[in-house]
């Protein structure tokens, strides 16, 4: 069986979500450190241009977006489940909301001048400017808009008060009683805020929330070891993609298997990836790509939050 390879960097909130899910499932994995900003040539060889972090690689199969990474980890090891029986819709839908709305608030609050000065204070001015320019490009062209700071400050206490109340009344230590993807999606924006003393009080001022966050972070990251990006590309080149799902909804959506298509996120990081359409399953879009370095790849995207179009 192919190893799980996570392409990520330490400070990425969504990478932390993926690392915590790996820890929760007690899975072993290989860690490929990627650049924080574009260009990312070795990652692009695998994804075809998808630029968000993280990406999961399993042999010659590449999984984009943590919502789909969660389902691949579920297939890898069924228990403990990220989607507890009877809570599948609630957990997945809450996670989708937290990944969008709560994360949007956290980004605005983290990128306030007083906070970003602490986070980036040790970087040279040129590096700071490059990071800001990269993030501006990341959030250009999609449906996600930057929440005004005044609005984020007005609304954040409402979100935290609701979470505090839920945790105080929940039967169990987690949002659905038992741990689920809902916890990891809610945790990573708060982990992001905890990164400096400027924004940490936005979490720590809510004792039930802080205690719950400690429980989620307590799952850790699982057993992992470093891998170079060149080694990851070699693994992809030498592997065969996994068999495709039996179900396919391509024709029902007006597409033909084998046609050239483009897939892009709709919120931010909307850089398109082109390839040959192989399958549209219940949850995923799967493309085949050829890369001169990585060989034949199957790149997987979620159906939710991504656009599929003919080339």
C-alpha atoms as a PDB file:
ATOM      1  CA  UNK A   1       0.000   0.000   0.000  1.00  0.00           C
ATOM      2  CA  UNK A   2       1.314   3.464  -0.881  1.00  0.00           C
ATOM      3  CA  UNK A   3       2.368   5.822   1.875  1.00  0.00           C
ATOM      4  CA  UNK A   4       0.351   8.889   2.792  1.00  0.00           C
ATOM      5  CA  UNK A   5       2.353  11.983   1.807  1.00  0.00           C
ATOM      6  CA  UNK A   6       1.251  15.414   3.006  1.00  0.00           C
ATOM      7  CA  UNK A   7       2.547  18.443   1.100  1.00  0.00           C
ATOM      8  CA  UNK A   8       2.269  21.347   3.558  1.00  0.00           C
ATOM      9  CA  UNK A   9       4.045  23.979   5.619  1.00  0.00           C
ATOM     10  CA  UNK A  10       3.966  24.431   9.387  1.00  0.00           C
ATOM     11  CA  UNK A  11       2.077  27.738   9.609  1.00  0.00           C
ATOM     12  CA  UNK A  12      -0.830  26.789   7.309  1.00  0.00           C
ATOM     13  CA  UNK A  13      -4.171  26.552   9.184  1.00  0.00           C
ATOM     14  CA  UNK A  14      -5.661  24.045   6.739  1.00  0.00           C
ATOM     15  CA  UNK A  15      -2.474  21.989   6.938  1.00  0.00           C
ATOM     16  CA  UNK A  16      -2.957  21.925  10.706  1.00  0.00           C
ATOM     17  CA  UNK A  17      -6.476  20.610  10.116  1.00  0.00           C
ATOM     18  CA  UNK A  18      -5.053  17.796   7.970  1.00  0.00           C
ATOM     19  CA  UNK A  19      -2.266  17.035  10.454  1.00  0.00           C
ATOM     20  CA  UNK A  20      -4.785  16.786  13.296  1.00  0.00           C
ATOM     21  CA  UNK A  21      -6.999  14.437  11.272  1.00  0.00           C
ATOM     22  CA  UNK A  22      -3.964  12.225  10.644  1.00  0.00           C
ATOM     23  CA  UNK A  23      -3.211  12.296  14.370  1.00  0.00           C
ATOM     24  CA  UNK A  24      -6.817  11.512  15.284  1.00  0.00           C
ATOM     25  CA  UNK A  25      -6.729   8.440  13.040  1.00  0.00           C
ATOM     26  CA  UNK A  26      -3.244   7.510  14.339  1.00  0.00           C
ATOM     27  CA  UNK A  27      -1.911   7.233  10.807  1.00  0.00           C
ATOM     28  CA  UNK A  28       1.743   7.312   9.791  1.00  0.00           C
ATOM     29  CA  UNK A  29       2.670   9.724   7.022  1.00  0.00           C
ATOM     30  CA  UNK A  30       5.503  11.401   5.169  1.00  0.00           C
ATOM     31  CA  UNK A  31       5.965  15.154   5.361  1.00  0.00           C
ATOM     32  CA  UNK A  32       6.957  17.268   2.354  1.00  0.00           C
ATOM     33  CA  UNK A  33       7.631  20.893   3.276  1.00  0.00           C
ATOM     34  CA  UNK A  34       6.440  23.216   0.496  1.00  0.00           C
ATOM     35  CA  UNK A  35       7.058  26.947  -0.045  1.00  0.00           C
ATOM     36  CA  UNK A  36       4.589  29.325   1.596  1.00  0.00           C
ATOM     37  CA  UNK A  37       4.243  31.401  -1.558  1.00  0.00           C
ATOM     38  CA  UNK A  38       4.289  30.802  -5.290  1.00  0.00           C
ATOM     39  CA  UNK A  39       6.067  29.524  -7.305  1.00  0.00           C
ATOM     40  CA  UNK A  40       5.826  25.921  -6.118  1.00  0.00           C
ATOM     41  CA  UNK A  41       7.255  23.992  -9.078  1.00  0.00           C
ATOM     42  CA  UNK A  42       7.447  20.561  -7.448  1.00  0.00           C
ATOM     43  CA  UNK A  43       3.887  20.768  -6.123  1.00  0.00           C
ATOM     44  CA  UNK A  44       2.664  22.063  -9.493  1.00  0.00           C
ATOM     45  CA  UNK A  45       4.175  18.992 -11.159  1.00  0.00           C
ATOM     46  CA  UNK A  46       1.769  16.897  -9.070  1.00  0.00           C
ATOM     47  CA  UNK A  47      -1.358  19.085  -9.044  1.00  0.00           C
ATOM     48  CA  UNK A  48      -1.179  20.845 -12.394  1.00  0.00           C
ATOM     49  CA  UNK A  49      -1.500  24.287 -10.834  1.00  0.00           C
ATOM     50  CA  UNK A  50      -3.705  23.956  -7.755  1.00  0.00           C
ATOM     51  CA  UNK A  51      -2.077  26.281  -5.246  1.00  0.00           C
ATOM     52  CA  UNK A  52      -3.891  25.836  -1.939  1.00  0.00           C
ATOM     53  CA  UNK A  53      -2.282  24.100   1.024  1.00  0.00           C
ATOM     54  CA  UNK A  54      -2.266  21.210   1.893  1.00  0.00           C
ATOM     55  CA  UNK A  55      -2.287  18.464  -0.731  1.00  0.00           C
ATOM     56  CA  UNK A  56      -2.346  14.736   0.038  1.00  0.00           C
ATOM     57  CA  UNK A  57      -0.472  12.335  -2.216  1.00  0.00           C
ATOM     58  CA  UNK A  58      -1.003   8.579  -2.208  1.00  0.00           C
ATOM     59  CA  UNK A  59       1.247   7.145  -4.878  1.00  0.00           C
ATOM     60  CA  UNK A  60       0.102   8.657  -8.174  1.00  0.00           C
ATOM     61  CA  UNK A  61      -3.200   9.931  -6.724  1.00  0.00           C
ATOM     62  CA  UNK A  62      -3.311  13.571  -5.633  1.00  0.00           C
ATOM     63  CA  UNK A  63      -6.073  14.825  -3.324  1.00  0.00           C
ATOM     64  CA  UNK A  64      -6.847  18.555  -3.210  1.00  0.00           C
ATOM     65  CA  UNK A  65      -8.758  20.309  -0.396  1.00  0.00           C
ATOM     66  CA  UNK A  66      -9.032  19.086   3.196  1.00  0.00           C
ATOM     67  CA  UNK A  67     -12.710  18.185   2.765  1.00  0.00           C
ATOM     68  CA  UNK A  68     -11.687  15.516   0.251  1.00  0.00           C
ATOM     69  CA  UNK A  69      -8.501  14.628   2.136  1.00  0.00           C
ATOM     70  CA  UNK A  70     -10.742  13.756   5.092  1.00  0.00           C
ATOM     71  CA  UNK A  71     -12.693  11.279   2.974  1.00  0.00           C
ATOM     72  CA  UNK A  72      -9.477   9.707   1.669  1.00  0.00           C
ATOM     73  CA  UNK A  73      -8.251   9.279   5.246  1.00  0.00           C
ATOM     74  CA  UNK A  74     -11.604   7.721   6.119  1.00  0.00           C
ATOM     75  CA  UNK A  75     -11.082   5.210   3.293  1.00  0.00           C
ATOM     76  CA  UNK A  76      -7.573   4.528   4.591  1.00  0.00           C
ATOM     77  CA  UNK A  77      -8.756   3.770   8.129  1.00  0.00           C
ATOM     78  CA  UNK A  78     -12.457   3.599   8.966  1.00  0.00           C
ATOM     79  CA  UNK A  79     -12.153   3.981  12.729  1.00  0.00           C
ATOM     80  CA  UNK A  80     -12.127   6.257  14.553  1.00  0.00           C
ATOM     81  CA  UNK A  81     -14.453   7.944  12.093  1.00  0.00           C
ATOM     82  CA  UNK A  82     -14.393  11.587  11.043  1.00  0.00           C
ATOM     83  CA  UNK A  83     -18.070  11.153  10.101  1.00  0.00           C
ATOM     84  CA  UNK A  84     -19.753   9.414  13.072  1.00  0.00           C
ATOM     85  CA  UNK A  85     -22.729   7.239  12.200  1.00  0.00           C
ATOM     86  CA  UNK A  86     -25.947   9.234  12.316  1.00  0.00           C
ATOM     87  CA  UNK A  87     -24.007  12.525  12.307  1.00  0.00           C
ATOM     88  CA  UNK A  88     -22.577  12.381   8.781  1.00  0.00           C
ATOM     89  CA  UNK A  89     -24.569  15.277   7.318  1.00  0.00           C
ATOM     90  CA  UNK A  90     -24.349  17.470  10.411  1.00  0.00           C
ATOM     91  CA  UNK A  91     -20.596  16.979  10.823  1.00  0.00           C
ATOM     92  CA  UNK A  92     -19.718  17.500   7.148  1.00  0.00           C
ATOM     93  CA  UNK A  93     -22.019  20.506   6.724  1.00  0.00           C
ATOM     94  CA  UNK A  94     -20.792  22.184   9.899  1.00  0.00           C
ATOM     95  CA  UNK A  95     -17.205  21.604   8.751  1.00  0.00           C
ATOM     96  CA  UNK A  96     -17.940  23.231   5.393  1.00  0.00           C
ATOM     97  CA  UNK A  97     -19.408  26.264   7.191  1.00  0.00           C
ATOM     98  CA  UNK A  98     -16.492  26.562   9.633  1.00  0.00           C
ATOM     99  CA  UNK A  99     -13.899  26.207   6.864  1.00  0.00           C
ATOM    100  CA  UNK A 100     -15.539  29.147   5.097  1.00  0.00           C
ATOM    101  CA  UNK A 101     -17.126  31.508   7.627  1.00  0.00           C
ATOM    102  CA  UNK A 102     -15.038  30.995  10.757  1.00  0.00           C
ATOM    103  CA  UNK A 103     -11.822  30.882   8.745  1.00  0.00           C
ATOM    104  CA  UNK A 104     -12.817  34.105   6.942  1.00  0.00           C
ATOM    105  CA  UNK A 105     -13.162  35.842  10.306  1.00  0.00           C
ATOM    106  CA  UNK A 106      -9.850  34.439  11.547  1.00  0.00           C
ATOM    107  CA  UNK A 107      -7.981  35.627   8.439  1.00  0.00           C
ATOM    108  CA  UNK A 108      -9.261  39.172   8.878  1.00  0.00           C
ATOM    109  CA  UNK A 109      -8.407  39.209  12.579  1.00  0.00           C
ATOM    110  CA  UNK A 110      -4.942  37.718  12.037  1.00  0.00           C
ATOM    111  CA  UNK A 111      -4.148  40.178   9.251  1.00  0.00           C
ATOM    112  CA  UNK A 112      -4.806  43.261  11.355  1.00  0.00           C
ATOM    113  CA  UNK A 113      -1.699  45.495  11.367  1.00  0.00           C
ATOM    114  CA  UNK A 114      -0.905  44.927  15.051  1.00  0.00           C
ATOM    115  CA  UNK A 115      -1.132  41.146  14.616  1.00  0.00           C
ATOM    116  CA  UNK A 116       0.715  40.813  11.327  1.00  0.00           C
ATOM    117  CA  UNK A 117       3.530  42.986  12.690  1.00  0.00           C
ATOM    118  CA  UNK A 118       4.181  40.332  15.340  1.00  0.00           C
ATOM    119  CA  UNK A 119       3.827  37.405  12.937  1.00  0.00           C
ATOM    120  CA  UNK A 120       6.088  38.846  10.259  1.00  0.00           C
ATOM    121  CA  UNK A 121       8.295  41.129  12.313  1.00  0.00           C
ATOM    122  CA  UNK A 122      11.386  38.931  11.934  1.00  0.00           C
ATOM    123  CA  UNK A 123      11.112  38.678   8.150  1.00  0.00           C
ATOM    124  CA  UNK A 124      13.071  41.042   5.870  1.00  0.00           C
ATOM    125  CA  UNK A 125      10.901  43.745   4.255  1.00  0.00           C
ATOM    126  CA  UNK A 126      11.208  42.113   0.815  1.00  0.00           C
ATOM    127  CA  UNK A 127       9.922  38.798   2.191  1.00  0.00           C
ATOM    128  CA  UNK A 128       7.021  40.556   3.900  1.00  0.00           C
ATOM    129  CA  UNK A 129       6.075  42.317   0.657  1.00  0.00           C
ATOM    130  CA  UNK A 130       6.300  39.050  -1.304  1.00  0.00           C
ATOM    131  CA  UNK A 131       4.003  37.289   1.184  1.00  0.00           C
ATOM    132  CA  UNK A 132       1.408  40.071   1.106  1.00  0.00           C
ATOM    133  CA  UNK A 133       1.473  40.126  -2.715  1.00  0.00           C
ATOM    134  CA  UNK A 134       1.077  36.339  -2.866  1.00  0.00           C
ATOM    135  CA  UNK A 135      -1.933  36.386  -0.553  1.00  0.00           C
ATOM    136  CA  UNK A 136      -3.514  39.192  -2.577  1.00  0.00           C
ATOM    137  CA  UNK A 137      -3.193  37.008  -5.682  1.00  0.00           C
ATOM    138  CA  UNK A 138      -4.549  33.996  -3.772  1.00  0.00           C
ATOM    139  CA  UNK A 139      -7.758  35.828  -2.878  1.00  0.00           C
ATOM    140  CA  UNK A 140      -8.243  37.491  -6.280  1.00  0.00           C
ATOM    141  CA  UNK A 141     -10.891  36.391  -8.738  1.00  0.00           C
ATOM    142  CA  UNK A 142     -12.979  34.099  -6.554  1.00  0.00           C
ATOM    143  CA  UNK A 143     -16.216  34.454  -4.634  1.00  0.00           C
ATOM    144  CA  UNK A 144     -14.504  34.872  -1.248  1.00  0.00           C
ATOM    145  CA  UNK A 145     -14.195  38.476  -0.170  1.00  0.00           C
ATOM    146  CA  UNK A 146     -12.099  39.917   2.643  1.00  0.00           C
ATOM    147  CA  UNK A 147     -14.311  40.590   5.637  1.00  0.00           C
ATOM    148  CA  UNK A 148     -13.846  44.175   6.901  1.00  0.00           C
ATOM    149  CA  UNK A 149     -12.021  44.266  10.234  1.00  0.00           C
ATOM    150  CA  UNK A 150     -14.820  46.170  11.949  1.00  0.00           C
ATOM    151  CA  UNK A 151     -17.325  43.518  10.862  1.00  0.00           C
ATOM    152  CA  UNK A 152     -15.095  40.653  12.012  1.00  0.00           C
ATOM    153  CA  UNK A 153     -14.628  42.293  15.428  1.00  0.00           C
ATOM    154  CA  UNK A 154     -18.382  42.849  15.736  1.00  0.00           C
ATOM    155  CA  UNK A 155     -19.306  39.273  14.805  1.00  0.00           C
ATOM    156  CA  UNK A 156     -16.515  37.215  16.389  1.00  0.00           C
ATOM    157  CA  UNK A 157     -17.899  37.363  19.970  1.00  0.00           C
ATOM    158  CA  UNK A 158     -21.240  36.071  18.667  1.00  0.00           C
ATOM    159  CA  UNK A 159     -19.572  33.026  17.092  1.00  0.00           C
ATOM    160  CA  UNK A 160     -17.562  32.319  20.233  1.00  0.00           C
ATOM    161  CA  UNK A 161     -20.541  32.751  22.563  1.00  0.00           C
ATOM    162  CA  UNK A 162     -22.539  30.263  20.496  1.00  0.00           C
ATOM    163  CA  UNK A 163     -19.656  27.796  20.507  1.00  0.00           C
ATOM    164  CA  UNK A 164     -19.174  28.273  24.254  1.00  0.00           C
ATOM    165  CA  UNK A 165     -22.855  27.560  24.871  1.00  0.00           C
ATOM    166  CA  UNK A 166     -22.831  24.453  22.668  1.00  0.00           C
ATOM    167  CA  UNK A 167     -19.770  23.035  24.431  1.00  0.00           C
ATOM    168  CA  UNK A 168     -21.238  23.742  27.866  1.00  0.00           C
ATOM    169  CA  UNK A 169     -24.383  21.775  27.028  1.00  0.00           C
ATOM    170  CA  UNK A 170     -22.951  19.005  24.839  1.00  0.00           C
ATOM    171  CA  UNK A 171     -23.065  15.441  26.140  1.00  0.00           C
ATOM    172  CA  UNK A 172     -19.443  14.608  25.522  1.00  0.00           C
ATOM    173  CA  UNK A 173     -16.247  16.524  24.994  1.00  0.00           C
ATOM    174  CA  UNK A 174     -16.687  17.404  21.313  1.00  0.00           C
ATOM    175  CA  UNK A 175     -19.119  19.197  19.006  1.00  0.00           C
ATOM    176  CA  UNK A 176     -21.042  16.084  18.003  1.00  0.00           C
ATOM    177  CA  UNK A 177     -20.504  14.388  21.345  1.00  0.00           C
ATOM    178  CA  UNK A 178     -17.706  12.274  19.916  1.00  0.00           C
ATOM    179  CA  UNK A 179     -14.856  13.661  17.778  1.00  0.00           C
ATOM    180  CA  UNK A 180     -15.637  14.393  14.131  1.00  0.00           C
ATOM    181  CA  UNK A 181     -14.530  16.489  11.183  1.00  0.00           C
ATOM    182  CA  UNK A 182     -16.602  19.320  12.700  1.00  0.00           C
ATOM    183  CA  UNK A 183     -14.065  19.663  15.512  1.00  0.00           C
ATOM    184  CA  UNK A 184     -11.050  19.812  13.218  1.00  0.00           C
ATOM    185  CA  UNK A 185     -12.687  22.353  10.885  1.00  0.00           C
ATOM    186  CA  UNK A 186     -13.596  24.582  13.816  1.00  0.00           C
ATOM    187  CA  UNK A 187     -10.220  24.138  15.503  1.00  0.00           C
ATOM    188  CA  UNK A 188      -7.843  25.264  12.772  1.00  0.00           C
ATOM    189  CA  UNK A 189      -9.020  28.925  12.603  1.00  0.00           C
ATOM    190  CA  UNK A 190      -8.722  29.121  16.397  1.00  0.00           C
ATOM    191  CA  UNK A 191      -5.248  27.558  16.244  1.00  0.00           C
ATOM    192  CA  UNK A 192      -4.384  30.281  13.720  1.00  0.00           C
ATOM    193  CA  UNK A 193      -5.543  32.982  16.148  1.00  0.00           C
ATOM    194  CA  UNK A 194      -3.575  31.409  18.991  1.00  0.00           C
ATOM    195  CA  UNK A 195      -0.375  32.022  17.014  1.00  0.00           C
ATOM    196  CA  UNK A 196       0.399  35.374  18.651  1.00  0.00           C
ATOM    197  CA  UNK A 197      -0.359  37.140  21.930  1.00  0.00           C
ATOM    198  CA  UNK A 198      -2.287  39.776  19.954  1.00  0.00           C
ATOM    199  CA  UNK A 199      -5.067  37.450  18.780  1.00  0.00           C
ATOM    200  CA  UNK A 200      -4.847  34.616  21.356  1.00  0.00           C
ATOM    201  CA  UNK A 201      -7.347  36.343  23.726  1.00  0.00           C
ATOM    202  CA  UNK A 202     -10.011  35.966  21.024  1.00  0.00           C
ATOM    203  CA  UNK A 203      -9.924  32.275  21.980  1.00  0.00           C
ATOM    204  CA  UNK A 204      -8.634  32.265  25.546  1.00  0.00           C
ATOM    205  CA  UNK A 205     -11.350  34.635  26.806  1.00  0.00           C
ATOM    206  CA  UNK A 206     -13.806  31.746  26.370  1.00  0.00           C
ATOM    207  CA  UNK A 207     -12.815  29.013  28.867  1.00  0.00           C
ATOM    208  CA  UNK A 208     -15.020  26.238  27.470  1.00  0.00           C
ATOM    209  CA  UNK A 209     -13.740  26.965  23.968  1.00  0.00           C
ATOM    210  CA  UNK A 210     -10.106  27.026  25.070  1.00  0.00           C
ATOM    211  CA  UNK A 211     -10.524  23.720  26.918  1.00  0.00           C
ATOM    212  CA  UNK A 212     -12.199  22.104  23.898  1.00  0.00           C
ATOM    213  CA  UNK A 213      -9.444  23.391  21.599  1.00  0.00           C
ATOM    214  CA  UNK A 214      -6.886  21.819  23.902  1.00  0.00           C
ATOM    215  CA  UNK A 215      -8.656  18.476  23.590  1.00  0.00           C
ATOM    216  CA  UNK A 216      -8.701  18.682  19.782  1.00  0.00           C
ATOM    217  CA  UNK A 217      -5.058  19.733  19.535  1.00  0.00           C
ATOM    218  CA  UNK A 218      -4.266  16.896  21.938  1.00  0.00           C
ATOM    219  CA  UNK A 219      -4.802  14.365  19.155  1.00  0.00           C
ATOM    220  CA  UNK A 220      -1.436  15.480  17.801  1.00  0.00           C
ATOM    221  CA  UNK A 221      -0.160  14.848  14.304  1.00  0.00           C
ATOM    222  CA  UNK A 222       0.512  11.123  14.264  1.00  0.00           C
ATOM    223  CA  UNK A 223       3.842   9.530  13.366  1.00  0.00           C
ATOM    224  CA  UNK A 224       5.532  11.303  10.470  1.00  0.00           C
ATOM    225  CA  UNK A 225       8.929  11.524   8.839  1.00  0.00           C
ATOM    226  CA  UNK A 226      10.399  13.972   6.307  1.00  0.00           C
ATOM    227  CA  UNK A 227      10.435  13.390   2.563  1.00  0.00           C
ATOM    228  CA  UNK A 228      11.890  15.620  -0.146  1.00  0.00           C
ATOM    229  CA  UNK A 229       9.690  16.943  -2.930  1.00  0.00           C
ATOM    230  CA  UNK A 230      11.957  15.207  -5.461  1.00  0.00           C
ATOM    231  CA  UNK A 231      11.381  11.880  -3.702  1.00  0.00           C
ATOM    232  CA  UNK A 232       7.617  12.490  -3.708  1.00  0.00           C
ATOM    233  CA  UNK A 233       7.670  13.117  -7.461  1.00  0.00           C
ATOM    234  CA  UNK A 234       9.688   9.918  -7.985  1.00  0.00           C
ATOM    235  CA  UNK A 235       7.127   7.961  -5.929  1.00  0.00           C
ATOM    236  CA  UNK A 236       4.326   9.308  -8.137  1.00  0.00           C
ATOM    237  CA  UNK A 237       6.229   8.477 -11.326  1.00  0.00           C
ATOM    238  CA  UNK A 238       6.827   4.889 -10.246  1.00  0.00           C
ATOM    239  CA  UNK A 239       3.262   4.269  -9.007  1.00  0.00           C
ATOM    240  CA  UNK A 240       0.033   3.344 -10.757  1.00  0.00           C
ATOM    241  CA  UNK A 241      -3.084   5.370  -9.928  1.00  0.00           C
ATOM    242  CA  UNK A 242      -5.710   3.624  -7.827  1.00  0.00           C
ATOM    243  CA  UNK A 243      -8.781   2.079  -9.514  1.00  0.00           C
ATOM    244  CA  UNK A 244     -11.607   4.515 -10.222  1.00  0.00           C
ATOM    245  CA  UNK A 245     -14.928   4.441  -8.334  1.00  0.00           C
ATOM    246  CA  UNK A 246     -17.670   2.303  -9.869  1.00  0.00           C
ATOM    247  CA  UNK A 247     -20.156   5.164  -9.948  1.00  0.00           C
ATOM    248  CA  UNK A 248     -19.863   7.999 -12.451  1.00  0.00           C
ATOM    249  CA  UNK A 249     -22.169  10.974 -12.952  1.00  0.00           C
ATOM    250  CA  UNK A 250     -20.264  12.673 -15.779  1.00  0.00           C
ATOM    251  CA  UNK A 251     -22.933  12.177 -18.440  1.00  0.00           C
ATOM    252  CA  UNK A 252     -25.723  13.321 -16.139  1.00  0.00           C
ATOM    253  CA  UNK A 253     -23.811  16.598 -15.793  1.00  0.00           C
ATOM    254  CA  UNK A 254     -23.331  17.000 -19.544  1.00  0.00           C
ATOM    255  CA  UNK A 255     -19.720  15.773 -19.733  1.00  0.00           C
ATOM    256  CA  UNK A 256     -18.086  12.791 -21.395  1.00  0.00           C
ATOM    257  CA  UNK A 257     -15.420  10.641 -19.815  1.00  0.00           C
ATOM    258  CA  UNK A 258     -12.183  11.302 -21.685  1.00  0.00           C
ATOM    259  CA  UNK A 259     -12.890  14.900 -22.659  1.00  0.00           C
ATOM    260  CA  UNK A 260     -10.534  17.719 -21.756  1.00  0.00           C
ATOM    261  CA  UNK A 261     -11.843  19.757 -18.842  1.00  0.00           C
ATOM    262  CA  UNK A 262     -10.778  22.379 -16.350  1.00  0.00           C
ATOM    263  CA  UNK A 263     -11.375  22.311 -12.586  1.00  0.00           C
ATOM    264  CA  UNK A 264     -10.966  25.326 -10.309  1.00  0.00           C
ATOM    265  CA  UNK A 265     -11.890  26.338  -6.785  1.00  0.00           C
ATOM    266  CA  UNK A 266     -14.660  28.899  -6.719  1.00  0.00           C
ATOM    267  CA  UNK A 267     -13.867  30.793  -3.489  1.00  0.00           C
ATOM    268  CA  UNK A 268     -10.148  31.652  -3.678  1.00  0.00           C
ATOM    269  CA  UNK A 269      -7.013  30.116  -5.131  1.00  0.00           C
ATOM    270  CA  UNK A 270      -8.986  29.792  -8.359  1.00  0.00           C
ATOM    271  CA  UNK A 271      -6.069  28.755 -10.596  1.00  0.00           C
ATOM    272  CA  UNK A 272      -7.526  26.144 -12.996  1.00  0.00           C
ATOM    273  CA  UNK A 273      -6.185  22.620 -13.463  1.00  0.00           C
ATOM    274  CA  UNK A 274      -6.684  21.034 -16.865  1.00  0.00           C
ATOM    275  CA  UNK A 275      -6.787  17.355 -17.654  1.00  0.00           C
ATOM    276  CA  UNK A 276      -8.773  14.439 -19.003  1.00  0.00           C
ATOM    277  CA  UNK A 277     -12.030  13.800 -17.172  1.00  0.00           C
ATOM    278  CA  UNK A 278     -12.068  10.297 -15.714  1.00  0.00           C
ATOM    279  CA  UNK A 279     -14.944  10.313 -13.254  1.00  0.00           C
ATOM    280  CA  UNK A 280     -17.410  12.430 -11.312  1.00  0.00           C
ATOM    281  CA  UNK A 281     -18.274  10.398  -8.226  1.00  0.00           C
ATOM    282  CA  UNK A 282     -20.728  11.264  -5.468  1.00  0.00           C
ATOM    283  CA  UNK A 283     -18.140  13.512  -3.792  1.00  0.00           C
ATOM    284  CA  UNK A 284     -15.239  14.017  -6.200  1.00  0.00           C
ATOM    285  CA  UNK A 285     -14.060  15.057  -9.659  1.00  0.00           C
ATOM    286  CA  UNK A 286     -11.117  13.010 -10.932  1.00  0.00           C
ATOM    287  CA  UNK A 287      -8.818  14.142 -13.752  1.00  0.00           C
ATOM    288  CA  UNK A 288      -5.937  12.368 -15.457  1.00  0.00           C
ATOM    289  CA  UNK A 289      -2.836  14.449 -16.067  1.00  0.00           C
ATOM    290  CA  UNK A 290       0.507  13.719 -17.656  1.00  0.00           C
ATOM    291  CA  UNK A 291       3.608  15.389 -16.273  1.00  0.00           C
ATOM    292  CA  UNK A 292       7.092  14.981 -17.684  1.00  0.00           C
ATOM    293  CA  UNK A 293       8.517  14.572 -14.181  1.00  0.00           C
ATOM    294  CA  UNK A 294       5.732  12.853 -12.263  1.00  0.00           C
ATOM    295  CA  UNK A 295       4.234  10.657 -14.993  1.00  0.00           C
ATOM    296  CA  UNK A 296       0.544   9.733 -15.111  1.00  0.00           C
ATOM    297  CA  UNK A 297      -1.446  11.218 -12.246  1.00  0.00           C
ATOM    298  CA  UNK A 298      -5.026  11.131 -11.057  1.00  0.00           C
ATOM    299  CA  UNK A 299      -5.905  14.460  -9.422  1.00  0.00           C
ATOM    300  CA  UNK A 300      -8.979  14.476  -7.158  1.00  0.00           C
ATOM    301  CA  UNK A 301     -11.081  17.539  -6.283  1.00  0.00           C
ATOM    302  CA  UNK A 302     -14.275  17.877  -4.214  1.00  0.00           C
ATOM    303  CA  UNK A 303     -17.479  18.573  -6.103  1.00  0.00           C
ATOM    304  CA  UNK A 304     -18.497  21.125  -3.472  1.00  0.00           C
ATOM    305  CA  UNK A 305     -16.686  24.424  -3.898  1.00  0.00           C
ATOM    306  CA  UNK A 306     -15.151  23.612  -7.292  1.00  0.00           C
ATOM    307  CA  UNK A 307     -16.236  24.393 -10.858  1.00  0.00           C
ATOM    308  CA  UNK A 308     -15.986  21.883 -13.706  1.00  0.00           C
ATOM    309  CA  UNK A 309     -15.921  23.217 -17.271  1.00  0.00           C
ATOM    310  CA  UNK A 310     -15.066  21.983 -20.752  1.00  0.00           C
ATOM    311  CA  UNK A 311     -11.838  23.221 -22.307  1.00  0.00           C
END
